[in-house]
């Protein structure tokens, strides 16, 4: 399917400050719609989206404020982001934008993904998530790129799979699509590799169902962070003179931290139960004379 087809693609860009979200948005749309900062200060202060032009007029990209791991996420910005996304019917994809020169999925980006998953509890939510590595220079050789792809997959995929387990508890092995893009190439350079990556990204997005098919009433995000706590409870199930049957329950609960600092907990829930049988130690008798 070409990017000029009538089918629309709508996607949300999330990521850290300076990771290249706004530049990626402009590169996808083939026009300058988003302001780009040349400093470490965030340029995007509110969530906003635009359509592209020409063969990208059917592509709608939503840019969000960048998050910084050393600071708290802004509650007003988060609520404005959620409201804006919910107003745009047909959003299909969540694009995590990461700097190619870094290999860390920050805690605040993880929290943001959890919040979006909570607000849009669509079936198969994580199948709507992909990763774009920005600042992947056009001059990098194919061999070096292949090496970096392997390294980044080995480091990032376990973190994403843990997010799945922490949110939807889906055990499905999802292979997150990854794309490698030079959003701001040197003028006159051959950046066809990045352009082809964007075409692959859009083709992937076209075939996704919307994450917000049903437009719900305004929903305020209550929690800044949700952590999963675990504990094991062991008890004796059966016992006789020779053996002891031991039962171990593996339990989880959510620790929810609100924006006001209040911490609440859900009830403990049994996720799985294990049994094992152990032999009783033989009794020994001694006679004291």
Protein backbone atom coordinates (compact mmCIF):
# COMPACT_ATOMS: atom_id res chain seq x y z
CA UNK A 1 0.00 0.00 0.00
CA UNK A 2 1.42 3.40 -0.91
CA UNK A 3 1.33 6.40 1.37
CA UNK A 4 -0.90 8.15 -1.13
CA UNK A 5 -3.84 5.79 -0.67
CA UNK A 6 -7.09 7.14 0.77
CA UNK A 7 -6.71 5.13 3.97
CA UNK A 8 -5.58 7.31 6.86
CA UNK A 9 -2.80 6.81 9.37
CA UNK A 10 -2.98 8.54 12.75
CA UNK A 11 -0.19 8.20 15.27
CA UNK A 12 1.01 9.68 18.56
CA UNK A 13 4.69 10.41 19.20
CA UNK A 14 6.01 10.09 22.76
CA UNK A 15 9.55 10.30 24.08
CA UNK A 16 12.10 12.21 26.09
CA UNK A 17 13.21 15.80 25.73
CA UNK A 18 15.69 16.14 22.86
CA UNK A 19 15.06 12.67 21.44
CA UNK A 20 13.76 14.10 18.16
CA UNK A 21 9.97 13.74 18.33
CA UNK A 22 9.15 17.02 16.63
CA UNK A 23 11.81 16.52 13.96
CA UNK A 24 10.43 13.04 13.29
CA UNK A 25 6.91 14.46 13.01
CA UNK A 26 8.06 16.97 10.39
CA UNK A 27 9.97 14.27 8.52
CA UNK A 28 6.93 11.99 8.42
CA UNK A 29 4.63 14.79 7.22
CA UNK A 30 7.17 16.12 4.69
CA UNK A 31 6.54 19.64 5.94
CA UNK A 32 7.49 21.79 8.94
CA UNK A 33 4.51 21.72 11.29
CA UNK A 34 6.19 21.26 14.68
CA UNK A 35 8.63 23.68 16.28
CA UNK A 36 12.03 22.13 16.98
CA UNK A 37 14.24 23.14 19.90
CA UNK A 38 18.00 23.42 19.54
CA UNK A 39 18.52 23.29 23.32
CA UNK A 40 17.81 20.87 26.14
CA UNK A 41 14.67 22.85 27.03
CA UNK A 42 11.43 21.31 25.70
CA UNK A 43 9.91 23.19 22.76
CA UNK A 44 6.58 21.34 22.69
CA UNK A 45 4.43 22.50 25.63
CA UNK A 46 1.09 21.00 24.62
CA UNK A 47 -0.15 18.06 22.60
CA UNK A 48 -1.05 19.04 19.04
CA UNK A 49 -1.44 17.25 15.72
CA UNK A 50 -1.31 18.05 12.01
CA UNK A 51 -1.92 16.44 8.64
CA UNK A 52 0.86 16.30 6.08
CA UNK A 53 0.82 17.64 2.55
CA UNK A 54 0.88 16.05 -0.90
CA UNK A 55 1.09 12.27 -0.64
CA UNK A 56 1.09 12.62 3.17
CA UNK A 57 -2.17 14.56 3.45
CA UNK A 58 -3.82 11.40 4.79
CA UNK A 59 -1.23 11.11 7.56
CA UNK A 60 -1.99 12.74 10.93
CA UNK A 61 0.81 13.01 13.49
CA UNK A 62 0.29 14.05 17.11
CA UNK A 63 3.31 15.48 18.95
CA UNK A 64 3.39 15.43 22.76
CA UNK A 65 5.55 17.29 25.30
CA UNK A 66 8.86 15.55 25.92
CA UNK A 67 9.40 13.98 29.33
CA UNK A 68 12.54 14.29 31.40
CA UNK A 69 13.53 11.52 33.78
CA UNK A 70 14.84 13.91 36.41
CA UNK A 71 11.54 15.77 36.84
CA UNK A 72 7.92 15.04 37.63
CA UNK A 73 5.47 14.65 34.77
CA UNK A 74 3.18 17.67 34.47
CA UNK A 75 -0.39 16.70 35.42
CA UNK A 76 -2.02 19.44 33.31
CA UNK A 77 0.02 18.46 30.25
CA UNK A 78 -0.91 14.80 30.74
CA UNK A 79 -4.62 15.51 31.02
CA UNK A 80 -4.50 17.84 27.99
CA UNK A 81 -2.68 15.10 26.06
CA UNK A 82 -5.31 12.48 26.95
CA UNK A 83 -8.22 14.79 26.11
CA UNK A 84 -6.65 15.77 22.78
CA UNK A 85 -5.96 12.17 21.73
CA UNK A 86 -9.50 11.14 22.65
CA UNK A 87 -10.90 13.97 20.51
CA UNK A 88 -9.02 12.65 17.45
CA UNK A 89 -11.05 9.63 16.40
CA UNK A 90 -9.15 6.85 14.69
CA UNK A 91 -5.73 7.09 16.36
CA UNK A 92 -4.02 3.79 15.51
CA UNK A 93 -0.44 3.87 16.72
CA UNK A 94 1.75 4.89 19.65
CA UNK A 95 5.29 5.65 18.47
CA UNK A 96 8.05 5.60 21.09
CA UNK A 97 10.79 7.94 19.84
CA UNK A 98 14.27 7.10 21.15
CA UNK A 99 17.65 8.65 20.41
CA UNK A 100 19.78 6.18 18.43
CA UNK A 101 22.80 7.26 20.48
CA UNK A 102 21.16 6.19 23.74
CA UNK A 103 19.95 2.78 24.85
CA UNK A 104 17.67 3.63 27.74
CA UNK A 105 13.89 3.62 28.02
CA UNK A 106 13.46 6.23 30.74
CA UNK A 107 11.22 5.67 33.76
CA UNK A 108 8.97 8.58 32.77
CA UNK A 109 8.46 7.19 29.26
CA UNK A 110 7.51 3.87 30.87
CA UNK A 111 5.04 5.66 33.15
CA UNK A 112 3.60 7.51 30.16
CA UNK A 113 3.06 4.24 28.30
CA UNK A 114 1.33 2.75 31.34
CA UNK A 115 -0.97 5.76 31.58
CA UNK A 116 -1.91 5.63 27.90
CA UNK A 117 -2.56 1.90 28.21
CA UNK A 118 -4.79 2.62 31.21
CA UNK A 119 -6.73 5.38 29.43
CA UNK A 120 -7.18 3.42 26.18
CA UNK A 121 -7.75 -0.18 27.34
CA UNK A 122 -8.25 -1.51 23.82
CA UNK A 123 -7.78 -5.19 23.16
CA UNK A 124 -4.23 -5.88 22.03
CA UNK A 125 -3.03 -2.41 23.04
CA UNK A 126 0.66 -3.33 22.79
CA UNK A 127 0.25 -4.40 19.16
CA UNK A 128 -0.31 -0.68 18.46
CA UNK A 129 3.12 0.31 19.83
CA UNK A 130 6.32 0.65 17.81
CA UNK A 131 9.75 2.23 18.26
CA UNK A 132 11.47 4.77 16.02
CA UNK A 133 15.16 5.33 16.65
CA UNK A 134 15.83 8.92 15.62
CA UNK A 135 19.24 10.45 14.83
CA UNK A 136 20.31 7.27 13.04
CA UNK A 137 22.65 9.00 10.60
CA UNK A 138 22.31 8.24 6.90
CA UNK A 139 26.09 7.71 6.79
CA UNK A 140 26.06 4.65 9.08
CA UNK A 141 27.05 1.53 7.15
CA UNK A 142 24.61 -1.36 6.71
CA UNK A 143 26.87 -3.68 8.70
CA UNK A 144 27.10 -1.27 11.63
CA UNK A 145 23.35 -0.67 11.49
CA UNK A 146 22.65 -4.42 11.63
CA UNK A 147 24.95 -4.70 14.63
CA UNK A 148 23.22 -1.83 16.41
CA UNK A 149 19.76 -3.24 15.65
CA UNK A 150 20.71 -6.49 17.36
CA UNK A 151 22.12 -4.67 20.40
CA UNK A 152 19.11 -2.39 20.79
CA UNK A 153 16.61 -5.23 20.46
CA UNK A 154 18.43 -7.25 23.11
CA UNK A 155 18.34 -4.31 25.54
CA UNK A 156 14.92 -2.79 24.82
CA UNK A 157 12.60 -5.73 24.16
CA UNK A 158 12.87 -7.18 27.70
CA UNK A 159 11.88 -3.78 29.13
CA UNK A 160 8.86 -3.55 26.83
CA UNK A 161 7.80 -7.09 27.62
CA UNK A 162 7.97 -6.29 31.33
CA UNK A 163 5.66 -3.34 30.69
CA UNK A 164 3.18 -5.71 29.05
CA UNK A 165 3.26 -7.96 32.09
CA UNK A 166 2.89 -5.00 34.48
CA UNK A 167 -0.13 -3.58 32.64
CA UNK A 168 -2.24 -6.00 30.61
CA UNK A 169 -0.55 -9.14 32.02
CA UNK A 170 -0.63 -10.42 28.46
CA UNK A 171 1.78 -13.32 28.01
CA UNK A 172 1.74 -12.99 24.23
CA UNK A 173 5.20 -12.60 22.72
CA UNK A 174 4.83 -9.33 20.79
CA UNK A 175 7.56 -8.37 18.35
CA UNK A 176 7.61 -4.56 18.49
CA UNK A 177 8.35 -3.01 15.08
CA UNK A 178 11.48 -0.85 15.04
CA UNK A 179 12.44 1.79 12.50
CA UNK A 180 15.74 3.66 12.15
CA UNK A 181 15.57 7.21 10.83
CA UNK A 182 17.77 10.24 10.19
CA UNK A 183 15.18 13.02 10.56
CA UNK A 184 17.55 15.91 9.84
CA UNK A 185 20.00 14.75 7.16
CA UNK A 186 22.66 16.95 5.62
CA UNK A 187 21.17 18.81 2.67
CA UNK A 188 21.82 16.97 -0.60
CA UNK A 189 22.69 13.66 1.09
CA UNK A 190 21.19 10.30 0.15
CA UNK A 191 18.67 9.65 2.91
CA UNK A 192 16.62 7.06 1.02
CA UNK A 193 17.08 4.50 3.79
CA UNK A 194 15.24 6.76 6.26
CA UNK A 195 12.53 7.55 3.73
CA UNK A 196 11.94 3.84 3.17
CA UNK A 197 11.77 3.29 6.93
CA UNK A 198 9.01 5.90 7.19
CA UNK A 199 7.08 4.19 4.39
CA UNK A 200 7.31 0.92 6.35
CA UNK A 201 6.11 2.72 9.49
CA UNK A 202 3.09 4.17 7.69
CA UNK A 203 2.22 0.87 6.02
CA UNK A 204 2.26 -0.78 9.46
CA UNK A 205 0.04 1.98 10.87
CA UNK A 206 -2.52 1.84 8.06
CA UNK A 207 -3.58 -1.69 8.96
CA UNK A 208 -4.10 -1.09 12.68
CA UNK A 209 -7.55 -0.62 14.18
CA UNK A 210 -8.07 2.58 16.22
CA UNK A 211 -7.15 2.51 19.91
CA UNK A 212 -10.01 4.88 20.75
CA UNK A 213 -12.98 3.58 18.78
CA UNK A 214 -15.37 4.53 21.56
CA UNK A 215 -15.13 8.10 22.66
CA UNK A 216 -15.66 8.08 26.41
CA UNK A 217 -16.41 10.96 28.71
CA UNK A 218 -13.51 13.00 30.00
CA UNK A 219 -11.26 10.93 32.18
CA UNK A 220 -8.77 12.42 34.60
CA UNK A 221 -5.54 10.55 35.18
CA UNK A 222 -5.45 9.68 38.88
CA UNK A 223 -2.08 8.05 39.25
CA UNK A 224 1.42 9.30 38.53
CA UNK A 225 2.83 5.81 38.82
CA UNK A 226 1.64 2.22 39.26
CA UNK A 227 4.13 -0.36 40.55
CA UNK A 228 3.54 -4.09 40.83
CA UNK A 229 4.48 -5.67 44.17
CA UNK A 230 4.87 -9.41 44.66
CA UNK A 231 4.98 -11.83 47.58
CA UNK A 232 4.91 -15.59 48.12
CA UNK A 233 2.84 -17.31 50.81
CA UNK A 234 3.88 -20.83 51.75
CA UNK A 235 1.75 -23.27 53.75
CA UNK A 236 1.52 -27.00 54.45
CA UNK A 237 -1.25 -28.56 52.36
CA UNK A 238 -0.92 -32.17 53.52
CA UNK A 239 1.39 -34.12 55.81
CA UNK A 240 1.94 -37.68 56.94
CA UNK A 241 4.72 -39.62 58.62
CA UNK A 242 6.83 -39.74 55.45
CA UNK A 243 6.05 -36.66 53.36
CA UNK A 244 4.93 -33.05 53.53
CA UNK A 245 3.05 -31.39 50.65
CA UNK A 246 3.89 -27.68 50.53
CA UNK A 247 1.74 -25.08 48.77
CA UNK A 248 3.21 -21.76 47.55
CA UNK A 249 0.91 -18.96 46.33
CA UNK A 250 2.49 -16.24 44.17
CA UNK A 251 0.56 -13.01 44.74
CA UNK A 252 0.66 -9.51 43.25
CA UNK A 253 -0.90 -6.15 44.02
CA UNK A 254 -0.67 -2.63 42.62
CA UNK A 255 0.96 0.20 44.52
CA UNK A 256 -0.65 3.37 43.16
CA UNK A 257 0.98 6.77 43.67
CA UNK A 258 -1.26 9.77 43.03
CA UNK A 259 -0.15 13.18 41.84
CA UNK A 260 -0.83 14.45 45.37
CA UNK A 261 1.65 11.91 46.78
CA UNK A 262 -1.03 9.66 48.27
CA UNK A 263 -0.18 5.96 48.04
CA UNK A 264 -2.90 3.30 47.85
CA UNK A 265 -2.81 -0.44 47.32
CA UNK A 266 -5.10 -2.93 45.60
CA UNK A 267 -5.98 -6.26 47.20
CA UNK A 268 -3.47 -9.09 46.88
CA UNK A 269 -4.33 -11.32 43.91
CA UNK A 270 -3.11 -14.89 43.44
CA UNK A 271 -1.40 -15.16 40.04
CA UNK A 272 -0.25 -18.79 40.32
CA UNK A 273 0.13 -21.63 42.79
CA UNK A 274 2.92 -24.21 43.06
CA UNK A 275 3.02 -27.48 44.97
CA UNK A 276 5.98 -29.57 45.99
CA UNK A 277 6.41 -32.65 48.13
CA UNK A 278 9.29 -33.04 50.53
CA UNK A 279 10.33 -36.08 52.54
CA UNK A 280 10.24 -35.81 56.29
CA UNK A 281 13.64 -36.24 57.92
CA UNK A 282 13.93 -39.65 59.54
CA UNK A 283 13.65 -39.63 63.32
CA UNK A 284 16.68 -40.74 65.25
CA UNK A 285 16.59 -42.03 68.76
CA UNK A 286 19.42 -42.14 71.17
CA UNK A 287 19.57 -43.71 74.57
CA UNK A 288 21.32 -41.81 77.31
CA UNK A 289 22.94 -44.09 79.89
